[in-house]
Protein backbone atom coordinates (compact mmCIF):
# COMPACT_ATOMS: atom_id res chain seq x y z
CA MET A 1 -42.74 11.59 -11.38
CA VAL A 2 -41.32 8.31 -12.26
CA LYS A 3 -38.35 6.46 -10.19
CA VAL A 4 -35.71 6.55 -12.85
CA LEU A 5 -33.52 4.14 -11.05
CA THR A 6 -36.16 1.32 -11.25
CA LEU A 7 -36.60 1.71 -14.84
CA ASP A 8 -32.73 1.79 -15.44
CA ASP A 9 -32.54 -1.50 -13.43
CA TYR A 10 -35.41 -3.00 -15.55
CA ALA A 11 -33.42 -1.48 -18.91
CA LYS A 12 -30.38 -3.29 -17.66
CA ALA A 13 -31.98 -6.61 -17.00
CA HIS A 14 -34.03 -6.62 -20.40
CA ALA A 15 -31.89 -5.01 -23.05
CA ARG A 16 -34.69 -5.33 -25.77
CA ALA A 17 -36.75 -3.06 -23.58
CA SER A 18 -34.60 -0.43 -23.00
CA SER A 19 -35.20 2.05 -25.54
CA SER A 20 -39.09 1.64 -25.07
CA LEU A 21 -38.74 2.19 -21.33
CA LYS A 22 -36.80 5.50 -22.16
CA ILE A 23 -39.29 6.47 -24.50
CA TRP A 24 -42.22 5.74 -21.99
CA GLN A 25 -40.45 7.35 -19.15
CA ALA A 26 -40.08 10.70 -21.25
CA ILE A 27 -43.68 10.75 -22.15
CA VAL A 28 -44.90 10.07 -18.65
CA GLN A 29 -42.51 13.02 -17.14
CA SER A 30 -43.98 15.31 -19.60
CA ALA A 31 -47.43 14.06 -19.24
CA SER A 32 -50.52 15.91 -17.43
CA TRP A 33 -52.99 13.15 -16.62
CA SER A 34 -56.05 13.93 -14.40
CA CYS A 35 -57.91 10.52 -15.00
CA PHE A 36 -57.26 7.15 -16.71
CA ASN A 37 -58.94 8.40 -19.79
CA ASP A 38 -56.07 10.98 -20.18
CA VAL A 39 -53.60 7.97 -19.83
CA ARG A 40 -55.59 6.03 -22.64
CA ALA A 41 -55.09 9.09 -24.93
CA THR A 42 -51.65 8.86 -24.51
CA PHE A 43 -51.02 5.18 -24.53
CA GLY A 44 -53.95 3.62 -26.37
CA SER A 45 -52.80 -0.01 -25.06
CA ALA A 46 -52.79 0.96 -21.49
CA ASP A 47 -55.36 -0.96 -19.27
CA MET A 48 -57.02 -0.50 -15.90
CA VAL A 49 -57.00 -3.75 -14.14
CA ARG A 50 -59.06 -4.18 -10.68
CA LEU A 51 -57.00 -6.47 -8.60
CA PRO A 52 -58.58 -8.91 -6.19
CA ASN A 53 -58.07 -6.40 -3.21
CA GLY A 54 -60.23 -3.85 -4.69
CA ARG A 55 -57.40 -1.51 -6.04
CA SER A 56 -56.86 -0.64 -9.52
CA ILE A 57 -53.56 -0.47 -11.52
CA VAL A 58 -52.46 0.69 -14.91
CA VAL A 59 -50.75 -1.80 -17.20
CA PHE A 60 -48.67 -0.79 -20.07
CA ASN A 61 -47.10 -2.74 -22.99
CA ILE A 62 -43.76 -2.23 -23.50
CA ALA A 63 -41.46 -3.11 -26.45
CA GLY A 64 -44.16 -4.23 -28.86
CA ASN A 65 -46.21 -5.87 -26.35
CA GLU A 66 -43.30 -8.14 -25.45
CA TYR A 67 -43.36 -6.75 -21.68
CA ARG A 68 -45.97 -5.33 -19.16
CA LEU A 69 -45.29 -2.42 -16.91
CA ILE A 70 -47.44 -2.57 -13.94
CA THR A 71 -48.19 0.77 -12.20
CA ALA A 72 -50.27 2.53 -9.70
CA ILE A 73 -51.24 6.21 -10.62
CA HIS A 74 -52.04 8.47 -8.08
CA PHE A 75 -54.35 11.16 -10.07
CA THR A 76 -54.61 14.93 -8.75
CA PRO A 77 -57.40 16.21 -10.81
CA GLN A 78 -57.23 19.58 -9.50
CA ASN A 79 -53.60 19.98 -10.44
CA PRO A 80 -52.52 16.89 -13.16
CA ARG A 81 -48.90 17.85 -13.05
CA ARG A 82 -48.79 16.85 -9.59
CA GLY A 83 -49.97 13.28 -10.06
CA ARG A 84 -47.57 10.31 -9.57
CA VAL A 85 -46.88 7.09 -11.25
CA TYR A 86 -45.45 4.46 -9.17
CA ILE A 87 -43.67 1.50 -10.67
CA ARG A 88 -44.98 -1.93 -8.97
CA GLU A 89 -43.36 -4.23 -11.64
CA PHE A 90 -42.02 -5.34 -14.85
CA LEU A 91 -42.84 -8.67 -16.45
CA THR A 92 -42.40 -10.33 -19.53
CA HIS A 93 -45.72 -11.14 -21.34
CA ALA A 94 -45.51 -14.72 -20.47
CA GLU A 95 -45.00 -13.88 -16.64
CA TYR A 96 -47.84 -11.21 -17.01
CA ASP A 97 -50.18 -14.08 -18.34
CA LYS A 98 -49.49 -16.39 -15.47
CA ASN A 99 -51.61 -13.96 -13.40
CA ASP A 100 -50.01 -14.75 -9.94
CA TRP A 101 -48.70 -11.11 -9.95
CA LYS A 102 -52.24 -9.75 -8.86
CA GLU A 103 -51.55 -11.49 -5.54
CA ARG A 104 -48.58 -9.60 -5.06
CA HIS A 105 -50.04 -6.03 -5.48
């Protein structure tokens, strides 16, 4: 499950990412992931990042590595279709590289 309005807002603000976000959304909405390895099988460039607070988030490259979509994924191994993907933040590659986003999550 993905909050569509959030993605639509990002697509409007970053027109170059619009089609990539729509493709990402369609793939995620039909996905059935029980663990990060399943995500990686779908999106080979996805990265799991451990934050200073100990939490892990999953970062997706969007629009040919021009943007980063930061998500929290709640896996439900017993029933992968019930898992949830929460959009945390959408950044340009340059914003992401500053690493200050890690303190916000």
